[in-house]
Amino acid sequence: MAAWVVCALCALVIIKPQEFIPALSGIPLVHAAFGLTLLCVALDVVWRRLKPTLAPQVVYALAFLAWAALTTALKRPAALEERGMQLATVAGIFVAVAVAAASPRGLRALAITLVGCAVLTTVVAIVQAFQPHGCMIAAPDDWEGKGELEPDGRPCETNLDCRIEAPVPDGNYRCERPGPLGTSTIDGRVRYRGSLADPNELSLMAGMSIPLAIALAERRSGPRRTRRSVRGGQPPSAGAPPGGAAPGPARACGARRALTLPVLLTDRLISRVAAALRALPVTAVIAAIGAMVVLSRSRSGVIVYLAVLGISFIRRSGTLGVIAACFVGPPMLLLGGRSGEEASESSGERVELLREAFELIRRTKGIGVGAGQFGDESSLGLTAHNSYLLAAAETGLLGMCLFALVLYASIKVPLSIWLGDVDVGPTARRFAPAIFVSLCGALIGIFFLSWAYKDILYMVFGASAALYGAARAEDSRVVVRVSGREVALVCGGMSLVLVLLNVLLRFLG
């Protein structure tokens, strides 16, 4: 029961129906869902449906978010109320997912929810791309159009067309494509709304869901057959001697008739056809997400999509997976992402933000400026567009190390269950590699995005913690710890990344 309630909580956070359904506006749906989740978790624990287990990343995640709140209180006390509420919400969602979904049924429900949200936002974005352009007005201070846009019903081809006989003479007008659920494009790039209003963030979220969709489509491994069947699906006779030879003429005649059956009637081919039919829905999902990533013109989204798909192909098909990835990769690289002056301007902007991140680290002596304060300190008014440097600039070097440990522990859990010699059920065995691949995609994608406190990222962290709880419930030998040596290596590795990035920025001038 708690699993489905926490899935509803995740869907409310991602889809945000209260923003496009007027009847739901003003209702604290997220808070109500969170309270109901706590109640259901307590009931499931009392009824012994759940056995709470402390995953290694839980301690590091809560420590990182608490440290972020503390640095904000020290550096920007006036912003503590707003940022503290944001951090508390992320922490609550993370813990709720980690505890409520810690069962085979909970893992499946969470995967269905995340994939369903990805499919819904992908369909909205694709439909959005084929709508006619229309005049839309943004908030007076939203000159980049990153917030919500309101259509006024006038057709247009350029932004200048919207200023002709405009209902609001000094309005902040843009010529964009309106989409379903009150969405709209931004500079011609498809997106969703709310926390996924950025095309890059929408592409990353959808790409991270691909391994979960593949895991849902995988068939459970059934019991192995102890006897070999002959061609055509007929089992050998109990009295037949070894080798399948029949003792009499009648049996020999029957054997000849079995051997002359068409190849199409073999069990092997039928099973392959059934597997291909089962793969059709997930193939459609992967193709739709790929089309959306292309329409979003997100370079980081293309990288994540190819990385996630490539790892999944190689894991399942080996050499054939490499060949399949080679067929998918070039078209995506050719069609996806931005190019020309727009791409050069975006790259230069990101390099400047990285320089400012290092300047903030030096200026605060490694303590940080407080969570969510990078944009106020930046001359460009933007965030760092790199989660690792964002964590270092806002929460200091200690916060950066804690954030890196959250990532490391979250990846170590599914990898240990996947490759470890443990006796877990088919659900945990199937979702362990899927969560690992999803986190690998996140590890790449957050290098280009400011996701240090992103609720969707912490849902996947929570899925890793839930996997640990589900595996522990099935096999008590499942124990994943982060040793002191690993802590030192992770912190040293992050420090080395900072040094290399600093050297690279100096080399770039």
Protein backbone atom coordinates (compact mmCIF):
# COMPACT_ATOMS: atom_id res chain seq x y z
CA MET A 1 0.00 0.00 0.00
CA ALA A 2 2.78 2.44 0.90
CA ALA A 3 4.53 1.75 -2.40
CA TRP A 4 1.65 3.00 -4.55
CA VAL A 5 1.12 6.05 -2.34
CA VAL A 6 4.79 7.05 -2.65
CA CYS A 7 4.50 6.49 -6.41
CA ALA A 8 1.59 8.93 -6.45
CA LEU A 9 3.80 11.38 -4.54
CA CYS A 10 6.55 11.06 -7.16
CA ALA A 11 4.06 11.51 -10.00
CA LEU A 12 2.67 14.68 -8.38
CA VAL A 13 6.18 16.12 -8.05
CA ILE A 14 7.13 15.36 -11.66
CA ILE A 15 3.86 15.95 -13.56
CA LYS A 16 2.52 18.82 -11.39
CA PRO A 17 -1.19 18.46 -12.28
CA GLN A 18 -2.08 21.30 -9.91
CA GLU A 19 -0.43 23.73 -12.33
CA PHE A 20 -2.66 22.94 -15.33
CA ILE A 21 -5.86 21.69 -13.65
CA PRO A 22 -7.61 24.75 -12.13
CA ALA A 23 -9.66 22.63 -9.71
CA LEU A 24 -6.45 21.36 -8.08
CA SER A 25 -4.70 24.72 -7.75
CA GLY A 26 -4.19 25.79 -4.18
CA ILE A 27 -4.59 22.26 -2.80
CA PRO A 28 -1.40 21.02 -1.05
CA LEU A 29 -1.38 17.72 -2.92
CA VAL A 30 2.32 17.02 -2.36
CA HIS A 31 2.08 17.60 1.39
CA ALA A 32 -1.05 15.45 1.63
CA ALA A 33 0.58 12.64 -0.35
CA PHE A 34 3.69 12.83 1.83
CA GLY A 35 1.62 12.61 5.03
CA LEU A 36 -0.37 9.69 3.63
CA THR A 37 2.90 7.98 2.68
CA LEU A 38 4.18 8.22 6.27
CA LEU A 39 0.92 6.75 7.56
CA CYS A 40 0.98 3.86 5.07
CA VAL A 41 4.66 3.14 5.82
CA ALA A 42 3.85 2.93 9.54
CA LEU A 43 0.96 0.53 8.84
CA ASP A 44 3.06 -1.66 6.55
CA VAL A 45 5.81 -1.85 9.17
CA VAL A 46 3.30 -2.81 11.87
CA TRP A 47 1.76 -5.45 9.58
CA ARG A 48 5.28 -6.65 8.67
CA ARG A 49 4.89 -5.92 5.00
CA LEU A 50 7.98 -3.71 5.16
CA LYS A 51 11.22 -4.19 7.01
CA PRO A 52 13.06 -0.82 7.16
CA THR A 53 16.75 -1.10 6.31
CA LEU A 54 19.32 1.69 6.38
CA ALA A 55 21.03 1.85 2.99
CA PRO A 56 24.54 3.40 2.96
CA GLN A 57 23.56 6.38 0.81
CA VAL A 58 20.79 7.46 3.21
CA VAL A 59 23.23 8.79 5.80
CA TYR A 60 25.33 10.65 3.23
CA ALA A 61 22.30 12.15 1.48
CA LEU A 62 20.75 13.46 4.68
CA ALA A 63 24.15 14.74 5.84
CA PHE A 64 24.66 16.59 2.55
CA LEU A 65 21.22 18.23 2.62
CA ALA A 66 21.65 19.19 6.30
CA TRP A 67 25.07 20.67 5.59
CA ALA A 68 23.59 22.63 2.67
CA ALA A 69 20.98 24.09 5.02
CA LEU A 70 23.68 24.94 7.57
CA THR A 71 25.87 26.75 5.04
CA THR A 72 22.82 28.73 3.91
CA ALA A 73 22.10 29.71 7.52
CA LEU A 74 25.68 30.87 7.95
CA LYS A 75 26.11 32.71 4.66
CA ARG A 76 22.58 33.87 3.73
CA PRO A 77 20.24 33.67 6.74
CA ALA A 78 17.50 35.56 4.91
CA ALA A 79 17.25 32.75 2.34
CA LEU A 80 17.18 29.94 4.90
CA GLU A 81 13.38 29.69 5.12
CA GLU A 82 12.89 29.27 1.37
CA ARG A 83 15.91 27.04 0.72
CA GLY A 84 15.41 25.09 3.92
CA MET A 85 11.89 24.17 2.84
CA GLN A 86 13.19 23.08 -0.57
CA LEU A 87 15.92 20.92 0.97
CA ALA A 88 13.48 19.43 3.48
CA THR A 89 11.10 18.51 0.65
CA VAL A 90 13.87 16.77 -1.28
CA ALA A 91 14.97 14.91 1.85
CA GLY A 92 11.39 13.82 2.58
CA ILE A 93 10.85 12.51 -0.95
CA PHE A 94 14.16 10.65 -0.84
CA VAL A 95 13.45 8.95 2.50
CA ALA A 96 9.86 8.16 1.51
CA VAL A 97 10.95 6.40 -1.68
CA ALA A 98 13.81 4.58 0.07
CA VAL A 99 11.49 3.14 2.74
CA ALA A 100 8.09 2.75 1.05
CA ALA A 101 9.36 1.12 -2.17
CA ALA A 102 11.69 -1.36 -0.40
CA SER A 103 9.94 -4.50 -1.66
CA PRO A 104 9.69 -6.32 -5.01
CA ARG A 105 6.21 -4.92 -5.56
CA GLY A 106 7.38 -1.45 -4.57
CA LEU A 107 10.32 -1.55 -7.01
CA ARG A 108 8.02 -2.52 -9.88
CA ALA A 109 5.51 0.18 -8.95
CA LEU A 110 8.23 2.83 -8.74
CA ALA A 111 9.67 1.80 -12.10
CA ILE A 112 6.22 1.91 -13.71
CA THR A 113 5.66 5.39 -12.25
CA LEU A 114 8.98 6.84 -13.42
CA VAL A 115 8.63 5.32 -16.89
CA GLY A 116 5.01 6.47 -17.11
CA CYS A 117 5.99 10.05 -16.20
CA ALA A 118 8.75 9.95 -18.81
CA VAL A 119 6.33 8.68 -21.46
CA LEU A 120 3.73 11.34 -20.63
CA THR A 121 6.20 14.23 -20.75
CA THR A 122 7.74 12.82 -23.94
CA VAL A 123 4.37 12.61 -25.69
CA VAL A 124 3.52 16.15 -24.58
CA ALA A 125 6.84 17.40 -25.96
CA ILE A 126 6.44 15.59 -29.30
CA VAL A 127 2.90 16.90 -29.79
CA GLN A 128 4.16 20.35 -28.87
CA ALA A 129 6.75 20.24 -31.66
CA PHE A 130 4.10 19.97 -34.39
CA GLN A 131 1.80 22.78 -33.24
CA PRO A 132 1.62 26.08 -35.20
CA HIS A 133 3.49 29.07 -33.79
CA GLY A 134 1.55 31.56 -31.72
CA CYS A 135 2.18 34.75 -29.75
CA MET A 136 2.82 34.12 -26.07
CA ILE A 137 3.54 36.49 -23.23
CA ALA A 138 5.96 35.82 -20.39
CA ALA A 139 6.45 37.46 -17.02
CA PRO A 140 7.90 41.00 -17.26
CA ASP A 141 11.28 39.94 -15.82
CA ASP A 142 11.45 36.61 -17.68
CA TRP A 143 13.25 37.80 -20.80
CA GLU A 144 14.65 34.33 -21.52
CA GLY A 145 11.18 32.78 -21.46
CA LYS A 146 12.16 30.02 -19.03
CA GLY A 147 8.95 30.34 -17.01
CA GLU A 148 5.35 29.77 -18.01
CA LEU A 149 4.08 31.43 -21.21
CA GLU A 150 0.47 32.47 -21.79
CA PRO A 151 -0.86 32.35 -25.39
CA ASP A 152 -2.97 35.25 -26.61
CA GLY A 153 -4.40 33.48 -29.69
CA ARG A 154 -2.52 35.40 -32.41
CA PRO A 155 -0.49 33.48 -35.03
CA CYS A 156 3.09 34.54 -35.71
CA GLU A 157 6.32 33.66 -37.45
CA THR A 158 8.81 35.78 -35.50
CA ASN A 159 8.91 37.61 -32.18
CA LEU A 160 8.46 40.91 -34.00
CA ASP A 161 5.07 39.79 -35.32
CA CYS A 162 3.81 39.59 -31.74
CA ARG A 163 4.63 43.26 -31.08
CA ILE A 164 2.35 44.44 -33.87
CA GLU A 165 -0.95 45.64 -32.34
CA ALA A 166 -0.05 43.83 -29.12
CA PRO A 167 -2.79 43.75 -26.42
CA VAL A 168 -0.10 44.63 -23.87
CA PRO A 169 2.10 47.32 -25.48
CA ASP A 170 5.16 46.70 -23.30
CA GLY A 171 4.55 42.97 -22.86
CA ASN A 172 7.32 40.40 -22.93
CA TYR A 173 6.15 38.59 -26.07
CA ARG A 174 7.64 35.51 -27.70
CA CYS A 175 6.69 33.50 -30.77
CA GLU A 176 6.58 29.86 -29.65
CA ARG A 177 4.63 26.65 -30.20
CA PRO A 178 1.90 26.03 -27.58
CA GLY A 179 1.48 22.46 -26.42
CA PRO A 180 -0.80 20.27 -24.31
CA LEU A 181 -1.21 20.83 -20.57
CA GLY A 182 -0.33 24.51 -20.84
CA THR A 183 3.20 23.83 -22.11
CA SER A 184 5.16 25.67 -24.80
CA THR A 185 8.50 25.54 -26.56
CA ILE A 186 11.46 27.76 -25.68
CA ASP A 187 13.40 29.10 -28.66
CA GLY A 188 11.81 26.31 -30.69
CA ARG A 189 13.03 23.60 -28.29
CA VAL A 190 10.42 21.25 -26.78
CA ARG A 191 10.06 21.04 -23.00
CA TYR A 192 7.56 20.28 -20.25
CA ARG A 193 6.74 22.59 -17.34
CA GLY A 194 7.69 23.12 -13.70
CA SER A 195 10.97 21.45 -12.80
CA LEU A 196 11.22 20.06 -16.35
CA ALA A 197 10.73 23.40 -18.12
CA ASP A 198 14.37 23.22 -19.25
CA PRO A 199 14.76 21.02 -22.38
CA ASN A 200 18.05 19.63 -21.05
CA GLU A 201 16.46 18.51 -17.78
CA LEU A 202 13.52 16.91 -19.58
CA SER A 203 15.94 14.97 -21.80
CA LEU A 204 17.98 13.77 -18.82
CA MET A 205 14.91 12.59 -16.89
CA ALA A 206 13.58 10.69 -19.90
CA GLY A 207 16.98 9.15 -20.66
CA MET A 208 17.34 7.90 -17.08
CA SER A 209 14.02 6.05 -17.39
CA ILE A 210 15.11 3.91 -20.37
CA PRO A 211 16.86 1.18 -18.31
CA LEU A 212 13.80 0.91 -16.06
CA ALA A 213 11.56 0.48 -19.11
CA ILE A 214 13.84 -2.29 -20.39
CA ALA A 215 13.77 -4.01 -16.99
CA LEU A 216 9.96 -3.91 -16.95
CA ALA A 217 9.90 -5.56 -20.38
CA GLU A 218 12.26 -8.36 -19.39
CA ARG A 219 10.62 -11.73 -18.84
CA ARG A 220 11.06 -13.49 -15.54
CA SER A 221 13.45 -16.38 -15.74
CA GLY A 222 11.47 -19.56 -15.25
CA PRO A 223 12.68 -22.96 -14.02
CA ARG A 224 15.18 -24.71 -16.23
CA ARG A 225 13.95 -27.65 -18.21
CA THR A 226 15.41 -30.96 -17.13
CA ARG A 227 14.62 -32.88 -20.30
CA ARG A 228 15.44 -31.98 -23.86
CA SER A 229 12.54 -31.72 -26.27
CA VAL A 230 12.75 -32.96 -29.82
CA ARG A 231 11.95 -30.78 -32.75
CA GLY A 232 8.34 -29.75 -33.06
CA GLY A 233 7.77 -29.60 -29.30
CA GLN A 234 7.15 -33.37 -28.79
CA PRO A 235 8.97 -34.86 -25.74
CA PRO A 236 10.84 -38.15 -26.20
CA SER A 237 9.08 -41.31 -25.12
CA ALA A 238 9.77 -42.65 -21.67
CA GLY A 239 10.93 -45.97 -23.08
CA ALA A 240 13.15 -44.57 -25.82
CA PRO A 241 16.84 -45.41 -25.52
CA PRO A 242 19.53 -42.70 -25.28
CA GLY A 243 20.03 -40.79 -28.50
CA GLY A 244 16.32 -40.61 -29.29
CA ALA A 245 16.20 -43.83 -31.41
CA ALA A 246 12.79 -45.52 -31.42
CA PRO A 247 12.61 -49.24 -30.72
CA GLY A 248 10.05 -50.13 -33.35
CA PRO A 249 8.91 -49.24 -36.88
CA ALA A 250 5.86 -47.35 -35.65
CA ARG A 251 8.00 -45.12 -33.44
CA ALA A 252 10.48 -44.63 -36.26
CA CYS A 253 7.68 -43.53 -38.55
CA GLY A 254 6.44 -41.11 -35.89
CA ALA A 255 9.94 -39.73 -35.47
CA ARG A 256 10.26 -39.18 -39.21
CA ARG A 257 6.95 -37.32 -39.25
CA ALA A 258 8.16 -35.11 -36.36
CA LEU A 259 11.38 -34.31 -38.18
CA THR A 260 9.52 -33.24 -41.30
CA LEU A 261 7.46 -30.59 -39.44
CA PRO A 262 8.04 -27.01 -40.67
CA VAL A 263 10.71 -25.00 -38.90
CA LEU A 264 8.12 -22.41 -37.95
CA LEU A 265 6.66 -24.83 -35.42
CA THR A 266 9.80 -25.12 -33.29
CA ASP A 267 9.70 -23.93 -29.68
CA ARG A 268 12.82 -21.86 -30.19
CA LEU A 269 11.37 -19.76 -33.00
CA ILE A 270 8.05 -19.33 -31.23
CA SER A 271 9.85 -18.10 -28.09
CA ARG A 272 11.87 -15.66 -30.18
CA VAL A 273 8.73 -14.29 -31.84
CA ALA A 274 7.08 -13.92 -28.43
CA ALA A 275 10.15 -12.09 -27.12
CA ALA A 276 10.09 -9.75 -30.12
CA LEU A 277 6.42 -8.97 -29.53
CA ARG A 278 7.07 -8.27 -25.85
CA ALA A 279 9.87 -5.91 -26.85
CA LEU A 280 7.63 -3.78 -29.11
CA PRO A 281 6.33 -1.45 -26.33
CA VAL A 282 9.76 -0.74 -24.87
CA THR A 283 11.15 -0.23 -28.38
CA ALA A 284 8.43 2.35 -29.02
CA VAL A 285 9.28 4.09 -25.73
CA ILE A 286 13.00 4.21 -26.57
CA ALA A 287 12.27 5.55 -30.06
CA ALA A 288 9.88 8.22 -28.74
CA ILE A 289 12.39 9.39 -26.13
CA GLY A 290 15.07 9.55 -28.83
CA ALA A 291 12.79 11.69 -31.01
CA MET A 292 12.05 13.99 -28.08
CA VAL A 293 15.76 14.39 -27.30
CA VAL A 294 16.38 15.38 -30.92
CA LEU A 295 13.50 17.89 -30.84
CA SER A 296 14.80 19.35 -27.57
CA ARG A 297 18.18 20.05 -29.23
CA SER A 298 19.89 19.08 -25.98
CA ARG A 299 23.54 18.10 -26.40
CA SER A 300 23.76 16.69 -22.89
CA GLY A 301 20.51 14.80 -23.52
CA VAL A 302 22.02 13.16 -26.61
CA ILE A 303 25.10 12.11 -24.63
CA VAL A 304 22.99 10.60 -21.83
CA TYR A 305 20.66 8.86 -24.29
CA LEU A 306 23.54 7.25 -26.17
CA ALA A 307 25.38 6.30 -22.96
CA VAL A 308 22.34 4.68 -21.35
CA LEU A 309 21.30 2.90 -24.53
CA GLY A 310 24.86 1.80 -25.27
CA ILE A 311 25.40 0.28 -21.80
CA SER A 312 22.00 -1.44 -21.99
CA PHE A 313 22.72 -2.87 -25.46
CA ILE A 314 26.17 -4.11 -24.48
CA ARG A 315 24.87 -5.67 -21.25
CA ARG A 316 22.16 -7.62 -23.04
CA SER A 317 23.72 -8.43 -26.40
CA GLY A 318 27.50 -8.11 -26.06
CA THR A 319 29.11 -7.63 -29.48
CA LEU A 320 25.73 -7.29 -31.19
CA GLY A 321 24.93 -4.51 -28.72
CA VAL A 322 28.05 -2.62 -29.82
CA ILE A 323 26.98 -2.97 -33.45
CA ALA A 324 23.44 -1.77 -32.63
CA ALA A 325 24.85 1.22 -30.72
CA CYS A 326 26.98 2.10 -33.75
CA PHE A 327 23.83 2.28 -35.86
CA VAL A 328 21.94 4.46 -33.35
CA GLY A 329 24.81 6.78 -32.37
CA PRO A 330 25.70 8.64 -35.60
CA PRO A 331 22.12 9.71 -36.49
CA MET A 332 21.57 10.97 -32.93
CA LEU A 333 24.84 12.92 -32.97
CA LEU A 334 23.97 14.34 -36.38
CA LEU A 335 20.39 15.36 -35.59
CA GLY A 336 20.55 16.12 -31.87
CA GLY A 337 21.94 19.14 -30.08
CA ARG A 338 22.47 22.71 -31.16
CA SER A 339 25.07 23.99 -33.58
CA GLY A 340 26.44 27.22 -35.01
CA GLU A 341 26.48 30.53 -33.16
CA GLU A 342 23.84 29.43 -30.63
CA ALA A 343 25.92 26.42 -29.56
CA SER A 344 29.13 28.48 -29.34
CA GLU A 345 27.41 31.09 -27.20
CA SER A 346 26.03 28.40 -24.88
CA SER A 347 29.46 26.75 -24.52
CA GLY A 348 31.13 30.07 -23.76
CA GLU A 349 28.48 30.83 -21.16
CA ARG A 350 29.06 27.49 -19.43
CA VAL A 351 32.82 28.02 -19.35
CA GLU A 352 32.32 31.42 -17.74
CA LEU A 353 30.01 29.88 -15.13
CA LEU A 354 32.66 27.28 -14.28
CA ARG A 355 35.21 30.06 -13.80
CA GLU A 356 32.84 31.87 -11.47
CA ALA A 357 32.31 28.64 -9.51
CA PHE A 358 36.04 28.37 -8.83
CA GLU A 359 36.13 32.04 -7.87
CA LEU A 360 33.35 31.48 -5.32
CA ILE A 361 35.22 28.49 -3.86
CA ARG A 362 38.37 30.59 -3.44
CA ARG A 363 36.50 33.62 -2.10
CA THR A 364 34.66 31.63 0.59
CA LYS A 365 37.78 29.58 1.46
CA GLY A 366 36.02 26.35 0.58
CA ILE A 367 32.95 26.91 2.78
CA GLY A 368 30.47 27.87 0.05
CA VAL A 369 27.93 30.62 -0.45
CA GLY A 370 24.84 28.66 0.62
CA ALA A 371 22.35 26.45 -1.21
CA GLY A 372 20.65 28.13 -4.15
CA GLN A 373 22.79 31.28 -3.93
CA PHE A 374 25.04 30.74 -6.96
CA GLY A 375 22.68 32.61 -9.29
CA ASP A 376 22.67 35.67 -7.03
CA GLU A 377 26.47 35.68 -6.86
CA SER A 378 27.00 35.06 -10.58
CA SER A 379 27.45 37.96 -12.96
CA LEU A 380 25.29 36.07 -15.48
CA GLY A 381 22.50 35.38 -13.01
CA LEU A 382 22.60 31.64 -13.78
CA THR A 383 23.48 28.48 -11.88
CA ALA A 384 26.73 26.60 -12.45
CA HIS A 385 25.34 24.08 -14.99
CA ASN A 386 27.58 21.47 -13.33
CA SER A 387 26.31 19.70 -10.22
CA TYR A 388 29.76 18.83 -8.90
CA LEU A 389 31.03 22.40 -9.03
CA LEU A 390 27.66 23.70 -7.89
CA ALA A 391 27.91 21.56 -4.74
CA ALA A 392 31.46 22.80 -4.14
CA ALA A 393 30.58 26.48 -4.72
CA GLU A 394 27.38 26.49 -2.65
CA THR A 395 28.13 23.96 0.12
CA GLY A 396 31.94 24.03 0.13
CA LEU A 397 34.48 21.24 -0.21
CA LEU A 398 32.83 19.20 2.55
CA GLY A 399 29.49 19.41 0.79
CA MET A 400 31.13 18.39 -2.50
CA CYS A 401 32.61 15.28 -0.83
CA LEU A 402 29.27 14.36 0.76
CA PHE A 403 27.50 14.75 -2.59
CA ALA A 404 30.13 12.53 -4.25
CA LEU A 405 29.65 9.90 -1.54
CA VAL A 406 25.88 9.90 -2.18
CA LEU A 407 26.57 9.17 -5.84
CA TYR A 408 29.16 6.51 -5.04
CA ALA A 409 27.04 4.66 -2.48
CA SER A 410 23.95 4.82 -4.73
CA ILE A 411 25.89 3.21 -7.58
CA LYS A 412 27.66 0.65 -5.38
CA VAL A 413 24.39 -0.81 -4.05
CA PRO A 414 22.90 -2.02 -7.38
CA LEU A 415 26.32 -3.03 -8.68
CA SER A 416 26.95 -5.20 -5.60
CA ILE A 417 23.54 -6.86 -5.88
CA TRP A 418 23.91 -7.35 -9.63
CA LEU A 419 27.37 -8.93 -9.54
CA GLY A 420 27.39 -10.29 -5.99
CA ASP A 421 26.88 -13.92 -4.99
CA VAL A 422 23.57 -13.41 -3.22
CA ASP A 423 20.25 -15.23 -3.35
CA VAL A 424 17.80 -12.44 -4.14
CA GLY A 425 14.51 -12.72 -5.97
CA PRO A 426 13.97 -12.14 -9.70
CA THR A 427 12.69 -8.59 -9.21
CA ALA A 428 15.77 -7.37 -7.35
CA ARG A 429 18.02 -9.27 -9.75
CA ARG A 430 16.32 -7.64 -12.71
CA PHE A 431 16.20 -4.08 -11.41
CA ALA A 432 19.75 -3.96 -10.00
CA PRO A 433 21.44 -3.49 -13.41
CA ALA A 434 18.63 -1.16 -14.54
CA ILE A 435 19.12 1.19 -11.57
CA PHE A 436 22.90 0.99 -12.05
CA VAL A 437 22.65 2.03 -15.72
CA SER A 438 20.15 4.78 -14.86
CA LEU A 439 22.56 6.20 -12.26
CA CYS A 440 25.44 6.02 -14.76
CA GLY A 441 23.35 8.20 -17.08
CA ALA A 442 22.67 10.59 -14.20
CA LEU A 443 26.37 10.71 -13.36
CA ILE A 444 27.05 11.94 -16.90
CA GLY A 445 24.04 14.23 -17.24
CA ILE A 446 24.54 16.17 -14.00
CA PHE A 447 27.99 17.18 -15.20
CA PHE A 448 26.13 19.60 -17.51
CA LEU A 449 23.17 20.49 -15.26
CA SER A 450 22.57 21.96 -11.80
CA TRP A 451 20.97 18.89 -10.21
CA ALA A 452 22.69 18.83 -6.80
CA TYR A 453 19.30 19.21 -5.03
CA LYS A 454 16.99 17.97 -7.81
CA ASP A 455 14.00 16.00 -6.56
CA ILE A 456 14.03 13.62 -9.56
CA LEU A 457 17.68 12.73 -8.94
CA TYR A 458 16.90 11.91 -5.32
CA MET A 459 14.02 9.69 -6.43
CA VAL A 460 16.56 7.54 -8.27
CA PHE A 461 18.84 7.63 -5.21
CA GLY A 462 15.81 6.46 -3.25
CA ALA A 463 15.20 3.67 -5.78
CA SER A 464 18.75 2.43 -5.13
CA ALA A 465 18.12 2.50 -1.37
CA ALA A 466 14.78 0.71 -1.88
CA LEU A 467 16.56 -1.95 -3.91
CA TYR A 468 18.91 -2.51 -0.98
CA GLY A 469 15.98 -2.92 1.41
CA ALA A 470 14.19 -5.33 -0.94
CA ALA A 471 17.34 -7.41 -1.42
CA ARG A 472 18.07 -7.49 2.33
CA ALA A 473 14.54 -8.73 3.01
CA GLU A 474 15.14 -11.67 0.65
CA ASP A 475 18.75 -12.46 1.61
CA SER A 476 20.27 -11.19 4.85
CA ARG A 477 23.75 -11.75 3.39
CA VAL A 478 23.29 -8.63 1.27
CA VAL A 479 25.43 -6.06 3.05
CA VAL A 480 26.85 -2.99 1.29
CA ARG A 481 29.09 -0.64 3.22
CA VAL A 482 31.34 2.27 2.32
CA SER A 483 34.67 1.83 4.07
CA GLY A 484 36.94 4.60 5.31
CA ARG A 485 39.35 3.81 2.49
CA GLU A 486 36.56 4.26 -0.07
CA VAL A 487 35.58 7.58 1.54
CA ALA A 488 39.17 8.79 1.20
CA LEU A 489 39.38 7.64 -2.42
CA VAL A 490 36.07 9.29 -3.37
CA CYS A 491 37.02 12.61 -1.73
CA GLY A 492 40.49 12.47 -3.28
CA GLY A 493 38.99 11.70 -6.68
CA MET A 494 36.64 14.68 -6.48
CA SER A 495 39.52 16.94 -5.46
CA LEU A 496 41.48 15.68 -8.45
CA VAL A 497 38.51 16.44 -10.74
CA LEU A 498 38.43 20.01 -9.40
CA VAL A 499 42.15 20.43 -10.05
CA LEU A 500 41.86 19.07 -13.59
CA LEU A 501 38.88 21.31 -14.36
CA ASN A 502 40.74 24.33 -13.03
CA VAL A 503 43.79 23.51 -15.17
CA LEU A 504 41.54 23.03 -18.21
CA LEU A 505 39.85 26.39 -17.67
CA ARG A 506 43.21 28.13 -17.35
CA PHE A 507 44.34 26.42 -20.55
CA LEU A 508 41.23 27.74 -22.31
CA GLY A 509 42.30 31.27 -21.39
